[in-house]
């Protein structure tokens, strides 16, 4: 009798331990805060920044090597993904707990909440596909791409998705209404990062370069025909773009340089910011830039390119997501 009771106790303790480990709790994030969160890939953490106070609130030490995130329209759910992670995991910010997992398999390297419908596009490098999910985790459709897709860019007016492949000199175009691949066109090698000017029908594409040859220019193409139009110098490795009020901000991580251009490609200003920056967002006319090797965020005035504040975060901030209130 005692032996049977002991087995039951051991079983219940084991179940409690496993359930506790599977739903690890984190400090909650208040619902009324405007926040930025960085996905830090060197120490597997998330850092949360109070955008009103411009200071770090707290960190979440994660168990999996996540590389990117998406915040849902509800402002509470944060989706986390990583190339070496078998699932896409969803957490509640206000509860500080995991609330769901989607079994995607490994290979997810990028994701975007689309403006066309309530769908999420996930970039799968293992399958070389763009996979489209609803917010409940149901996979709705998918489209094959070139080898190693990476950057995705949504054309909201044309209802298209542009996909850059890091290994193939070909841009994939997806019709988001008909849910099918359209005719793409050739582009330069090792392309990464893009900005679409729908008014002018131009797509600006950056990149890393190939071999010992570092990319020093932005390549401008006609977004419909794919015809090459011109190059814009932005040394070196321009890999992130944001357009705002007739200005285009370009982040060149090879020189840790931020450029402010007009829509014709003329340089209006520049500044060195962070160490080896990859990621950049614009919030309330302020640029938020992550220094991958300096482990910090830089808040930059988008008008005069002055650094307003520098905030330390976890090691290796690779992506930034924002929730505004």
C-alpha atoms as a PDB file:
ATOM      1  CA  UNK A   1       0.000   0.000   0.000  1.00  0.00           C
ATOM      2  CA  UNK A   2       2.785   2.419   0.940  1.00  0.00           C
ATOM      3  CA  UNK A   3       4.670   1.547  -2.235  1.00  0.00           C
ATOM      4  CA  UNK A   4       1.608   2.273  -4.398  1.00  0.00           C
ATOM      5  CA  UNK A   5       1.033   5.559  -2.601  1.00  0.00           C
ATOM      6  CA  UNK A   6       4.683   6.516  -3.116  1.00  0.00           C
ATOM      7  CA  UNK A   7       4.373   5.842  -6.847  1.00  0.00           C
ATOM      8  CA  UNK A   8       1.297   8.070  -7.042  1.00  0.00           C
ATOM      9  CA  UNK A   9       3.091  10.891  -5.186  1.00  0.00           C
ATOM     10  CA  UNK A  10       6.143  10.622  -7.453  1.00  0.00           C
ATOM     11  CA  UNK A  11       3.898  10.649 -10.516  1.00  0.00           C
ATOM     12  CA  UNK A  12       2.017  13.753  -9.362  1.00  0.00           C
ATOM     13  CA  UNK A  13       5.260  15.576  -8.556  1.00  0.00           C
ATOM     14  CA  UNK A  14       6.644  14.698 -11.989  1.00  0.00           C
ATOM     15  CA  UNK A  15       3.470  15.917 -13.719  1.00  0.00           C
ATOM     16  CA  UNK A  16       3.566  19.168 -11.740  1.00  0.00           C
ATOM     17  CA  UNK A  17       7.256  19.688 -12.558  1.00  0.00           C
ATOM     18  CA  UNK A  18       6.807  19.048 -16.266  1.00  0.00           C
ATOM     19  CA  UNK A  19       3.739  21.274 -16.516  1.00  0.00           C
ATOM     20  CA  UNK A  20       5.575  24.050 -14.686  1.00  0.00           C
ATOM     21  CA  UNK A  21       8.555  23.804 -17.031  1.00  0.00           C
ATOM     22  CA  UNK A  22       6.346  23.750 -20.111  1.00  0.00           C
ATOM     23  CA  UNK A  23       4.604  26.983 -19.145  1.00  0.00           C
ATOM     24  CA  UNK A  24       7.366  29.021 -17.575  1.00  0.00           C
ATOM     25  CA  UNK A  25       6.181  32.328 -16.199  1.00  0.00           C
ATOM     26  CA  UNK A  26       7.718  35.724 -16.969  1.00  0.00           C
ATOM     27  CA  UNK A  27       7.225  39.208 -15.510  1.00  0.00           C
ATOM     28  CA  UNK A  28       4.050  40.631 -17.101  1.00  0.00           C
ATOM     29  CA  UNK A  29       3.976  43.705 -19.336  1.00  0.00           C
ATOM     30  CA  UNK A  30       1.328  46.285 -18.470  1.00  0.00           C
ATOM     31  CA  UNK A  31      -1.362  46.716 -21.119  1.00  0.00           C
ATOM     32  CA  UNK A  32      -1.277  50.530 -21.023  1.00  0.00           C
ATOM     33  CA  UNK A  33       2.411  50.838 -21.942  1.00  0.00           C
ATOM     34  CA  UNK A  34       3.795  51.734 -25.357  1.00  0.00           C
ATOM     35  CA  UNK A  35       6.665  49.315 -25.719  1.00  0.00           C
ATOM     36  CA  UNK A  36       9.448  48.190 -27.991  1.00  0.00           C
ATOM     37  CA  UNK A  37      10.763  44.653 -27.632  1.00  0.00           C
ATOM     38  CA  UNK A  38      14.088  43.411 -28.941  1.00  0.00           C
ATOM     39  CA  UNK A  39      14.766  39.799 -29.838  1.00  0.00           C
ATOM     40  CA  UNK A  40      18.337  39.205 -28.654  1.00  0.00           C
ATOM     41  CA  UNK A  41      19.918  36.191 -30.310  1.00  0.00           C
ATOM     42  CA  UNK A  42      23.257  35.963 -28.493  1.00  0.00           C
ATOM     43  CA  UNK A  43      21.744  35.355 -25.045  1.00  0.00           C
ATOM     44  CA  UNK A  44      18.270  34.085 -26.106  1.00  0.00           C
ATOM     45  CA  UNK A  45      16.370  36.914 -24.448  1.00  0.00           C
ATOM     46  CA  UNK A  46      13.704  39.554 -25.046  1.00  0.00           C
ATOM     47  CA  UNK A  47      14.221  43.090 -23.746  1.00  0.00           C
ATOM     48  CA  UNK A  48      11.190  45.340 -23.213  1.00  0.00           C
ATOM     49  CA  UNK A  49      11.512  49.128 -23.467  1.00  0.00           C
ATOM     50  CA  UNK A  50       8.999  51.680 -22.135  1.00  0.00           C
ATOM     51  CA  UNK A  51       8.797  54.118 -25.064  1.00  0.00           C
ATOM     52  CA  UNK A  52       7.286  56.921 -22.989  1.00  0.00           C
ATOM     53  CA  UNK A  53       9.986  56.836 -20.328  1.00  0.00           C
ATOM     54  CA  UNK A  54      12.667  55.709 -22.809  1.00  0.00           C
ATOM     55  CA  UNK A  55      14.054  53.117 -20.437  1.00  0.00           C
ATOM     56  CA  UNK A  56      14.291  49.354 -20.213  1.00  0.00           C
ATOM     57  CA  UNK A  57      11.512  47.750 -18.211  1.00  0.00           C
ATOM     58  CA  UNK A  58      12.682  44.142 -17.952  1.00  0.00           C
ATOM     59  CA  UNK A  59      14.061  41.094 -19.788  1.00  0.00           C
ATOM     60  CA  UNK A  60      12.615  37.686 -20.521  1.00  0.00           C
ATOM     61  CA  UNK A  61      15.219  34.901 -20.583  1.00  0.00           C
ATOM     62  CA  UNK A  62      13.903  32.465 -23.196  1.00  0.00           C
ATOM     63  CA  UNK A  63      14.510  28.720 -23.516  1.00  0.00           C
ATOM     64  CA  UNK A  64      14.631  28.611 -27.317  1.00  0.00           C
ATOM     65  CA  UNK A  65      16.821  30.400 -29.911  1.00  0.00           C
ATOM     66  CA  UNK A  66      14.196  32.784 -31.261  1.00  0.00           C
ATOM     67  CA  UNK A  67      15.315  35.251 -33.938  1.00  0.00           C
ATOM     68  CA  UNK A  68      12.161  37.250 -34.637  1.00  0.00           C
ATOM     69  CA  UNK A  69       8.739  38.281 -33.388  1.00  0.00           C
ATOM     70  CA  UNK A  70       5.333  39.617 -34.435  1.00  0.00           C
ATOM     71  CA  UNK A  71       2.867  41.436 -32.147  1.00  0.00           C
ATOM     72  CA  UNK A  72      -0.771  40.623 -32.934  1.00  0.00           C
ATOM     73  CA  UNK A  73      -3.480  43.274 -33.445  1.00  0.00           C
ATOM     74  CA  UNK A  74      -4.787  42.571 -29.923  1.00  0.00           C
ATOM     75  CA  UNK A  75      -1.629  44.222 -28.569  1.00  0.00           C
ATOM     76  CA  UNK A  76      -1.099  41.375 -26.141  1.00  0.00           C
ATOM     77  CA  UNK A  77      -0.056  38.319 -28.133  1.00  0.00           C
ATOM     78  CA  UNK A  78       3.577  38.140 -29.232  1.00  0.00           C
ATOM     79  CA  UNK A  79       4.560  35.438 -31.713  1.00  0.00           C
ATOM     80  CA  UNK A  80       8.165  34.178 -31.623  1.00  0.00           C
ATOM     81  CA  UNK A  81       9.979  32.187 -34.311  1.00  0.00           C
ATOM     82  CA  UNK A  82      13.474  30.971 -35.131  1.00  0.00           C
ATOM     83  CA  UNK A  83      15.150  28.927 -37.846  1.00  0.00           C
ATOM     84  CA  UNK A  84      16.219  26.191 -35.422  1.00  0.00           C
ATOM     85  CA  UNK A  85      12.902  26.084 -33.554  1.00  0.00           C
ATOM     86  CA  UNK A  86      10.336  23.375 -34.384  1.00  0.00           C
ATOM     87  CA  UNK A  87       7.356  25.532 -33.426  1.00  0.00           C
ATOM     88  CA  UNK A  88       6.139  29.093 -33.619  1.00  0.00           C
ATOM     89  CA  UNK A  89       5.305  30.049 -30.034  1.00  0.00           C
ATOM     90  CA  UNK A  90       2.754  32.602 -28.814  1.00  0.00           C
ATOM     91  CA  UNK A  91       2.983  34.416 -25.480  1.00  0.00           C
ATOM     92  CA  UNK A  92       0.624  36.747 -23.635  1.00  0.00           C
ATOM     93  CA  UNK A  93       2.454  39.910 -22.612  1.00  0.00           C
ATOM     94  CA  UNK A  94       0.030  40.800 -19.818  1.00  0.00           C
ATOM     95  CA  UNK A  95       0.131  37.259 -18.378  1.00  0.00           C
ATOM     96  CA  UNK A  96       3.812  36.571 -19.052  1.00  0.00           C
ATOM     97  CA  UNK A  97       3.019  33.045 -20.208  1.00  0.00           C
ATOM     98  CA  UNK A  98       3.068  30.912 -23.333  1.00  0.00           C
ATOM     99  CA  UNK A  99      -0.482  30.486 -24.600  1.00  0.00           C
ATOM    100  CA  UNK A 100      -0.078  28.497 -27.826  1.00  0.00           C
ATOM    101  CA  UNK A 101       2.346  26.804 -30.229  1.00  0.00           C
ATOM    102  CA  UNK A 102       2.039  26.184 -33.958  1.00  0.00           C
ATOM    103  CA  UNK A 103       3.839  23.124 -35.331  1.00  0.00           C
ATOM    104  CA  UNK A 104       5.629  24.655 -38.301  1.00  0.00           C
ATOM    105  CA  UNK A 105       8.859  22.659 -38.293  1.00  0.00           C
ATOM    106  CA  UNK A 106      12.270  24.303 -38.456  1.00  0.00           C
ATOM    107  CA  UNK A 107      13.250  26.905 -41.031  1.00  0.00           C
ATOM    108  CA  UNK A 108      11.191  30.013 -40.177  1.00  0.00           C
ATOM    109  CA  UNK A 109      13.488  33.034 -40.629  1.00  0.00           C
ATOM    110  CA  UNK A 110      11.087  35.944 -41.098  1.00  0.00           C
ATOM    111  CA  UNK A 111       7.447  36.850 -40.633  1.00  0.00           C
ATOM    112  CA  UNK A 112       4.996  39.655 -41.283  1.00  0.00           C
ATOM    113  CA  UNK A 113       1.447  40.509 -40.263  1.00  0.00           C
ATOM    114  CA  UNK A 114      -0.130  41.414 -43.598  1.00  0.00           C
ATOM    115  CA  UNK A 115      -2.328  44.438 -44.150  1.00  0.00           C
ATOM    116  CA  UNK A 116      -4.337  42.452 -46.705  1.00  0.00           C
ATOM    117  CA  UNK A 117      -6.590  40.407 -44.445  1.00  0.00           C
ATOM    118  CA  UNK A 118      -5.779  38.973 -41.040  1.00  0.00           C
ATOM    119  CA  UNK A 119      -2.974  36.719 -42.180  1.00  0.00           C
ATOM    120  CA  UNK A 120       0.635  36.154 -41.218  1.00  0.00           C
ATOM    121  CA  UNK A 121       3.261  35.368 -43.847  1.00  0.00           C
ATOM    122  CA  UNK A 122       6.088  33.174 -42.553  1.00  0.00           C
ATOM    123  CA  UNK A 123       9.307  32.728 -44.537  1.00  0.00           C
ATOM    124  CA  UNK A 124      10.424  29.081 -44.475  1.00  0.00           C
ATOM    125  CA  UNK A 125      14.009  28.554 -45.652  1.00  0.00           C
ATOM    126  CA  UNK A 126      13.931  24.789 -45.153  1.00  0.00           C
ATOM    127  CA  UNK A 127      10.999  24.406 -47.558  1.00  0.00           C
ATOM    128  CA  UNK A 128      11.805  27.513 -49.667  1.00  0.00           C
ATOM    129  CA  UNK A 129       8.227  28.672 -49.332  1.00  0.00           C
ATOM    130  CA  UNK A 130       6.150  31.557 -48.018  1.00  0.00           C
ATOM    131  CA  UNK A 131       3.524  30.038 -45.754  1.00  0.00           C
ATOM    132  CA  UNK A 132       0.345  31.927 -44.898  1.00  0.00           C
ATOM    133  CA  UNK A 133      -1.465  31.398 -41.571  1.00  0.00           C
ATOM    134  CA  UNK A 134      -4.517  32.896 -39.932  1.00  0.00           C
ATOM    135  CA  UNK A 135      -4.262  34.238 -36.384  1.00  0.00           C
ATOM    136  CA  UNK A 136      -5.499  30.928 -34.979  1.00  0.00           C
ATOM    137  CA  UNK A 137      -2.489  29.083 -36.406  1.00  0.00           C
ATOM    138  CA  UNK A 138      -4.227  27.398 -39.339  1.00  0.00           C
ATOM    139  CA  UNK A 139      -2.034  27.214 -42.458  1.00  0.00           C
ATOM    140  CA  UNK A 140      -4.181  28.566 -45.291  1.00  0.00           C
ATOM    141  CA  UNK A 141      -1.893  28.417 -48.329  1.00  0.00           C
ATOM    142  CA  UNK A 142       1.750  28.514 -49.401  1.00  0.00           C
ATOM    143  CA  UNK A 143       3.850  29.536 -52.394  1.00  0.00           C
ATOM    144  CA  UNK A 144       7.237  28.251 -53.520  1.00  0.00           C
ATOM    145  CA  UNK A 145      10.081  30.775 -53.858  1.00  0.00           C
ATOM    146  CA  UNK A 146      13.690  30.796 -54.968  1.00  0.00           C
ATOM    147  CA  UNK A 147      16.372  29.238 -52.758  1.00  0.00           C
ATOM    148  CA  UNK A 148      16.755  30.735 -49.260  1.00  0.00           C
ATOM    149  CA  UNK A 149      14.009  33.396 -49.166  1.00  0.00           C
ATOM    150  CA  UNK A 150      14.656  36.088 -46.568  1.00  0.00           C
ATOM    151  CA  UNK A 151      13.242  39.601 -47.034  1.00  0.00           C
ATOM    152  CA  UNK A 152       9.512  40.071 -47.667  1.00  0.00           C
ATOM    153  CA  UNK A 153       7.853  43.363 -48.587  1.00  0.00           C
ATOM    154  CA  UNK A 154       4.125  43.987 -48.909  1.00  0.00           C
ATOM    155  CA  UNK A 155       2.664  46.266 -51.586  1.00  0.00           C
ATOM    156  CA  UNK A 156      -0.575  47.312 -49.898  1.00  0.00           C
ATOM    157  CA  UNK A 157      -2.167  49.070 -52.887  1.00  0.00           C
ATOM    158  CA  UNK A 158      -1.191  46.430 -55.437  1.00  0.00           C
ATOM    159  CA  UNK A 159      -1.890  43.611 -52.948  1.00  0.00           C
ATOM    160  CA  UNK A 160       1.362  41.836 -53.727  1.00  0.00           C
ATOM    161  CA  UNK A 161       4.190  40.366 -51.720  1.00  0.00           C
ATOM    162  CA  UNK A 162       7.783  40.775 -52.921  1.00  0.00           C
ATOM    163  CA  UNK A 163      10.236  38.101 -51.785  1.00  0.00           C
ATOM    164  CA  UNK A 164      14.021  38.427 -51.942  1.00  0.00           C
ATOM    165  CA  UNK A 165      16.197  35.339 -52.095  1.00  0.00           C
ATOM    166  CA  UNK A 166      19.657  35.604 -50.590  1.00  0.00           C
ATOM    167  CA  UNK A 167      21.099  32.956 -52.914  1.00  0.00           C
ATOM    168  CA  UNK A 168      19.272  33.487 -56.189  1.00  0.00           C
ATOM    169  CA  UNK A 169      19.337  36.585 -58.376  1.00  0.00           C
ATOM    170  CA  UNK A 170      15.584  36.512 -58.811  1.00  0.00           C
ATOM    171  CA  UNK A 171      12.751  38.366 -57.090  1.00  0.00           C
ATOM    172  CA  UNK A 172       9.552  36.408 -56.421  1.00  0.00           C
ATOM    173  CA  UNK A 173       6.200  38.216 -56.640  1.00  0.00           C
ATOM    174  CA  UNK A 174       3.060  36.786 -55.020  1.00  0.00           C
ATOM    175  CA  UNK A 175      -0.504  37.914 -55.739  1.00  0.00           C
ATOM    176  CA  UNK A 176      -2.156  38.144 -52.308  1.00  0.00           C
ATOM    177  CA  UNK A 177      -5.684  38.192 -53.743  1.00  0.00           C
ATOM    178  CA  UNK A 178      -5.428  35.304 -56.215  1.00  0.00           C
ATOM    179  CA  UNK A 179      -3.035  33.554 -53.812  1.00  0.00           C
ATOM    180  CA  UNK A 180      -0.561  32.574 -56.500  1.00  0.00           C
ATOM    181  CA  UNK A 181       2.922  33.319 -57.764  1.00  0.00           C
ATOM    182  CA  UNK A 182       3.260  35.973 -60.468  1.00  0.00           C
ATOM    183  CA  UNK A 183       6.080  36.577 -62.915  1.00  0.00           C
ATOM    184  CA  UNK A 184       9.204  37.728 -61.071  1.00  0.00           C
ATOM    185  CA  UNK A 185      12.321  39.375 -62.408  1.00  0.00           C
ATOM    186  CA  UNK A 186      16.123  39.241 -62.059  1.00  0.00           C
ATOM    187  CA  UNK A 187      17.905  41.342 -59.426  1.00  0.00           C
ATOM    188  CA  UNK A 188      21.466  41.668 -58.099  1.00  0.00           C
ATOM    189  CA  UNK A 189      23.074  38.907 -55.963  1.00  0.00           C
ATOM    190  CA  UNK A 190      22.901  38.606 -52.149  1.00  0.00           C
ATOM    191  CA  UNK A 191      19.966  41.000 -51.975  1.00  0.00           C
ATOM    192  CA  UNK A 192      18.601  41.916 -48.547  1.00  0.00           C
ATOM    193  CA  UNK A 193      16.340  44.706 -47.360  1.00  0.00           C
ATOM    194  CA  UNK A 194      13.933  46.652 -49.542  1.00  0.00           C
ATOM    195  CA  UNK A 195      11.665  49.691 -49.719  1.00  0.00           C
ATOM    196  CA  UNK A 196       8.710  50.155 -52.059  1.00  0.00           C
ATOM    197  CA  UNK A 197       7.668  53.542 -53.441  1.00  0.00           C
ATOM    198  CA  UNK A 198       4.245  52.686 -54.830  1.00  0.00           C
ATOM    199  CA  UNK A 199       3.640  56.250 -56.065  1.00  0.00           C
ATOM    200  CA  UNK A 200       6.717  56.137 -58.304  1.00  0.00           C
ATOM    201  CA  UNK A 201       6.534  52.429 -59.029  1.00  0.00           C
ATOM    202  CA  UNK A 202      10.037  51.808 -57.673  1.00  0.00           C
ATOM    203  CA  UNK A 203      11.504  49.182 -55.416  1.00  0.00           C
ATOM    204  CA  UNK A 204      14.821  49.934 -53.710  1.00  0.00           C
ATOM    205  CA  UNK A 205      16.842  46.858 -52.786  1.00  0.00           C
ATOM    206  CA  UNK A 206      20.010  46.618 -50.711  1.00  0.00           C
ATOM    207  CA  UNK A 207      22.270  43.706 -49.908  1.00  0.00           C
ATOM    208  CA  UNK A 208      25.460  42.330 -48.431  1.00  0.00           C
ATOM    209  CA  UNK A 209      27.559  41.665 -51.526  1.00  0.00           C
ATOM    210  CA  UNK A 210      29.138  38.422 -52.661  1.00  0.00           C
ATOM    211  CA  UNK A 211      32.490  36.935 -51.685  1.00  0.00           C
ATOM    212  CA  UNK A 212      35.063  39.638 -51.058  1.00  0.00           C
ATOM    213  CA  UNK A 213      32.977  42.223 -52.929  1.00  0.00           C
ATOM    214  CA  UNK A 214      30.924  44.216 -50.428  1.00  0.00           C
ATOM    215  CA  UNK A 215      27.660  45.789 -51.587  1.00  0.00           C
ATOM    216  CA  UNK A 216      28.010  49.577 -51.627  1.00  0.00           C
ATOM    217  CA  UNK A 217      24.877  50.598 -53.501  1.00  0.00           C
ATOM    218  CA  UNK A 218      21.113  50.536 -53.380  1.00  0.00           C
ATOM    219  CA  UNK A 219      19.702  49.065 -56.601  1.00  0.00           C
ATOM    220  CA  UNK A 220      16.504  50.674 -57.882  1.00  0.00           C
ATOM    221  CA  UNK A 221      14.122  48.679 -60.085  1.00  0.00           C
ATOM    222  CA  UNK A 222      10.779  49.346 -61.712  1.00  0.00           C
ATOM    223  CA  UNK A 223       8.433  47.512 -59.359  1.00  0.00           C
ATOM    224  CA  UNK A 224       6.159  46.335 -62.199  1.00  0.00           C
ATOM    225  CA  UNK A 225       8.459  45.502 -65.104  1.00  0.00           C
ATOM    226  CA  UNK A 226      11.556  44.740 -63.049  1.00  0.00           C
ATOM    227  CA  UNK A 227      13.710  46.945 -65.288  1.00  0.00           C
ATOM    228  CA  UNK A 228      16.858  48.211 -63.565  1.00  0.00           C
ATOM    229  CA  UNK A 229      16.777  52.011 -63.231  1.00  0.00           C
ATOM    230  CA  UNK A 230      19.799  53.227 -61.269  1.00  0.00           C
ATOM    231  CA  UNK A 231      22.136  52.807 -58.312  1.00  0.00           C
ATOM    232  CA  UNK A 232      22.305  54.958 -55.178  1.00  0.00           C
ATOM    233  CA  UNK A 233      25.577  54.902 -53.186  1.00  0.00           C
ATOM    234  CA  UNK A 234      25.080  53.913 -49.527  1.00  0.00           C
ATOM    235  CA  UNK A 235      28.295  52.244 -48.363  1.00  0.00           C
ATOM    236  CA  UNK A 236      28.329  49.695 -47.113  1.00  0.00           C
ATOM    237  CA  UNK A 237      25.821  46.831 -46.937  1.00  0.00           C
ATOM    238  CA  UNK A 238      22.522  48.771 -46.970  1.00  0.00           C
ATOM    239  CA  UNK A 239      20.103  46.240 -45.495  1.00  0.00           C
ATOM    240  CA  UNK A 240      17.208  48.148 -43.911  1.00  0.00           C
ATOM    241  CA  UNK A 241      14.883  50.846 -45.269  1.00  0.00           C
ATOM    242  CA  UNK A 242      12.069  53.052 -43.960  1.00  0.00           C
ATOM    243  CA  UNK A 243      10.155  55.683 -45.919  1.00  0.00           C
ATOM    244  CA  UNK A 244       8.539  58.662 -44.157  1.00  0.00           C
ATOM    245  CA  UNK A 245       7.382  62.135 -45.304  1.00  0.00           C
ATOM    246  CA  UNK A 246       9.311  62.113 -48.615  1.00  0.00           C
ATOM    247  CA  UNK A 247      12.409  60.864 -46.811  1.00  0.00           C
ATOM    248  CA  UNK A 248      13.977  57.420 -47.016  1.00  0.00           C
ATOM    249  CA  UNK A 249      16.114  56.184 -44.143  1.00  0.00           C
ATOM    250  CA  UNK A 250      18.725  53.590 -45.001  1.00  0.00           C
ATOM    251  CA  UNK A 251      20.714  51.562 -42.489  1.00  0.00           C
ATOM    252  CA  UNK A 252      24.086  50.324 -43.746  1.00  0.00           C
ATOM    253  CA  UNK A 253      25.358  47.843 -41.208  1.00  0.00           C
ATOM    254  CA  UNK A 254      28.810  47.454 -42.782  1.00  0.00           C
ATOM    255  CA  UNK A 255      29.727  50.985 -41.702  1.00  0.00           C
ATOM    256  CA  UNK A 256      27.153  51.331 -38.874  1.00  0.00           C
ATOM    257  CA  UNK A 257      25.770  54.295 -40.780  1.00  0.00           C
ATOM    258  CA  UNK A 258      22.271  55.737 -41.030  1.00  0.00           C
ATOM    259  CA  UNK A 259      21.469  57.736 -44.172  1.00  0.00           C
ATOM    260  CA  UNK A 260      18.628  60.175 -44.728  1.00  0.00           C
ATOM    261  CA  UNK A 261      17.779  60.415 -48.446  1.00  0.00           C
ATOM    262  CA  UNK A 262      15.107  62.089 -50.500  1.00  0.00           C
ATOM    263  CA  UNK A 263      13.018  59.984 -52.877  1.00  0.00           C
ATOM    264  CA  UNK A 264      15.417  60.743 -55.731  1.00  0.00           C
ATOM    265  CA  UNK A 265      18.276  59.206 -53.782  1.00  0.00           C
ATOM    266  CA  UNK A 266      20.068  62.409 -52.785  1.00  0.00           C
ATOM    267  CA  UNK A 267      21.803  62.207 -49.399  1.00  0.00           C
ATOM    268  CA  UNK A 268      20.367  64.758 -46.966  1.00  0.00           C
ATOM    269  CA  UNK A 269      22.282  63.624 -43.911  1.00  0.00           C
ATOM    270  CA  UNK A 270      24.024  60.706 -42.229  1.00  0.00           C
ATOM    271  CA  UNK A 271      25.176  59.562 -38.809  1.00  0.00           C
ATOM    272  CA  UNK A 272      27.128  56.649 -37.334  1.00  0.00           C
ATOM    273  CA  UNK A 273      24.907  54.813 -34.861  1.00  0.00           C
ATOM    274  CA  UNK A 274      25.488  51.678 -32.793  1.00  0.00           C
ATOM    275  CA  UNK A 275      27.870  48.870 -33.690  1.00  0.00           C
ATOM    276  CA  UNK A 276      26.873  46.599 -36.568  1.00  0.00           C
ATOM    277  CA  UNK A 277      23.184  47.609 -36.604  1.00  0.00           C
ATOM    278  CA  UNK A 278      20.677  45.377 -38.418  1.00  0.00           C
ATOM    279  CA  UNK A 279      17.232  46.520 -37.358  1.00  0.00           C
ATOM    280  CA  UNK A 280      15.381  49.846 -37.515  1.00  0.00           C
ATOM    281  CA  UNK A 281      11.806  51.010 -36.864  1.00  0.00           C
ATOM    282  CA  UNK A 282      10.086  54.405 -36.955  1.00  0.00           C
ATOM    283  CA  UNK A 283       7.749  55.442 -34.114  1.00  0.00           C
ATOM    284  CA  UNK A 284       6.359  58.993 -33.734  1.00  0.00           C
ATOM    285  CA  UNK A 285       9.051  60.495 -35.984  1.00  0.00           C
ATOM    286  CA  UNK A 286      11.753  58.804 -33.947  1.00  0.00           C
ATOM    287  CA  UNK A 287      13.948  56.061 -35.338  1.00  0.00           C
ATOM    288  CA  UNK A 288      14.683  53.099 -33.092  1.00  0.00           C
ATOM    289  CA  UNK A 289      17.903  51.364 -34.131  1.00  0.00           C
ATOM    290  CA  UNK A 290      19.391  48.209 -32.615  1.00  0.00           C
ATOM    291  CA  UNK A 291      23.167  47.884 -32.299  1.00  0.00           C
ATOM    292  CA  UNK A 292      23.842  44.166 -32.662  1.00  0.00           C
ATOM    293  CA  UNK A 293      27.419  44.266 -31.351  1.00  0.00           C
ATOM    294  CA  UNK A 294      26.931  47.186 -28.939  1.00  0.00           C
ATOM    295  CA  UNK A 295      23.877  45.526 -27.312  1.00  0.00           C
ATOM    296  CA  UNK A 296      21.778  48.681 -27.270  1.00  0.00           C
ATOM    297  CA  UNK A 297      18.922  50.643 -28.777  1.00  0.00           C
ATOM    298  CA  UNK A 298      19.412  54.152 -30.109  1.00  0.00           C
ATOM    299  CA  UNK A 299      16.491  56.587 -30.259  1.00  0.00           C
ATOM    300  CA  UNK A 300      17.210  59.008 -33.123  1.00  0.00           C
ATOM    301  CA  UNK A 301      15.309  62.162 -34.124  1.00  0.00           C
ATOM    302  CA  UNK A 302      14.307  61.530 -37.736  1.00  0.00           C
ATOM    303  CA  UNK A 303      14.453  65.216 -38.652  1.00  0.00           C
ATOM    304  CA  UNK A 304      17.960  66.177 -37.509  1.00  0.00           C
ATOM    305  CA  UNK A 305      19.471  62.687 -37.034  1.00  0.00           C
ATOM    306  CA  UNK A 306      20.479  63.452 -33.452  1.00  0.00           C
ATOM    307  CA  UNK A 307      20.695  60.575 -30.990  1.00  0.00           C
ATOM    308  CA  UNK A 308      18.169  61.307 -28.233  1.00  0.00           C
ATOM    309  CA  UNK A 309      18.972  58.374 -25.995  1.00  0.00           C
ATOM    310  CA  UNK A 310      20.869  55.079 -25.899  1.00  0.00           C
ATOM    311  CA  UNK A 311      19.364  52.172 -23.953  1.00  0.00           C
ATOM    312  CA  UNK A 312      21.179  48.946 -23.060  1.00  0.00           C
ATOM    313  CA  UNK A 313      19.377  45.701 -23.944  1.00  0.00           C
ATOM    314  CA  UNK A 314      20.266  41.997 -24.092  1.00  0.00           C
ATOM    315  CA  UNK A 315      23.134  40.603 -26.145  1.00  0.00           C
ATOM    316  CA  UNK A 316      22.744  40.690 -29.906  1.00  0.00           C
ATOM    317  CA  UNK A 317      19.481  42.565 -30.573  1.00  0.00           C
ATOM    318  CA  UNK A 318      18.470  41.291 -34.000  1.00  0.00           C
ATOM    319  CA  UNK A 319      14.877  42.412 -34.396  1.00  0.00           C
ATOM    320  CA  UNK A 320      12.587  45.062 -32.892  1.00  0.00           C
ATOM    321  CA  UNK A 321       8.803  44.951 -32.595  1.00  0.00           C
ATOM    322  CA  UNK A 322       6.604  47.755 -31.260  1.00  0.00           C
ATOM    323  CA  UNK A 323       3.241  48.059 -29.520  1.00  0.00           C
ATOM    324  CA  UNK A 324       1.834  51.569 -29.410  1.00  0.00           C
ATOM    325  CA  UNK A 325      -0.914  52.695 -27.038  1.00  0.00           C
END
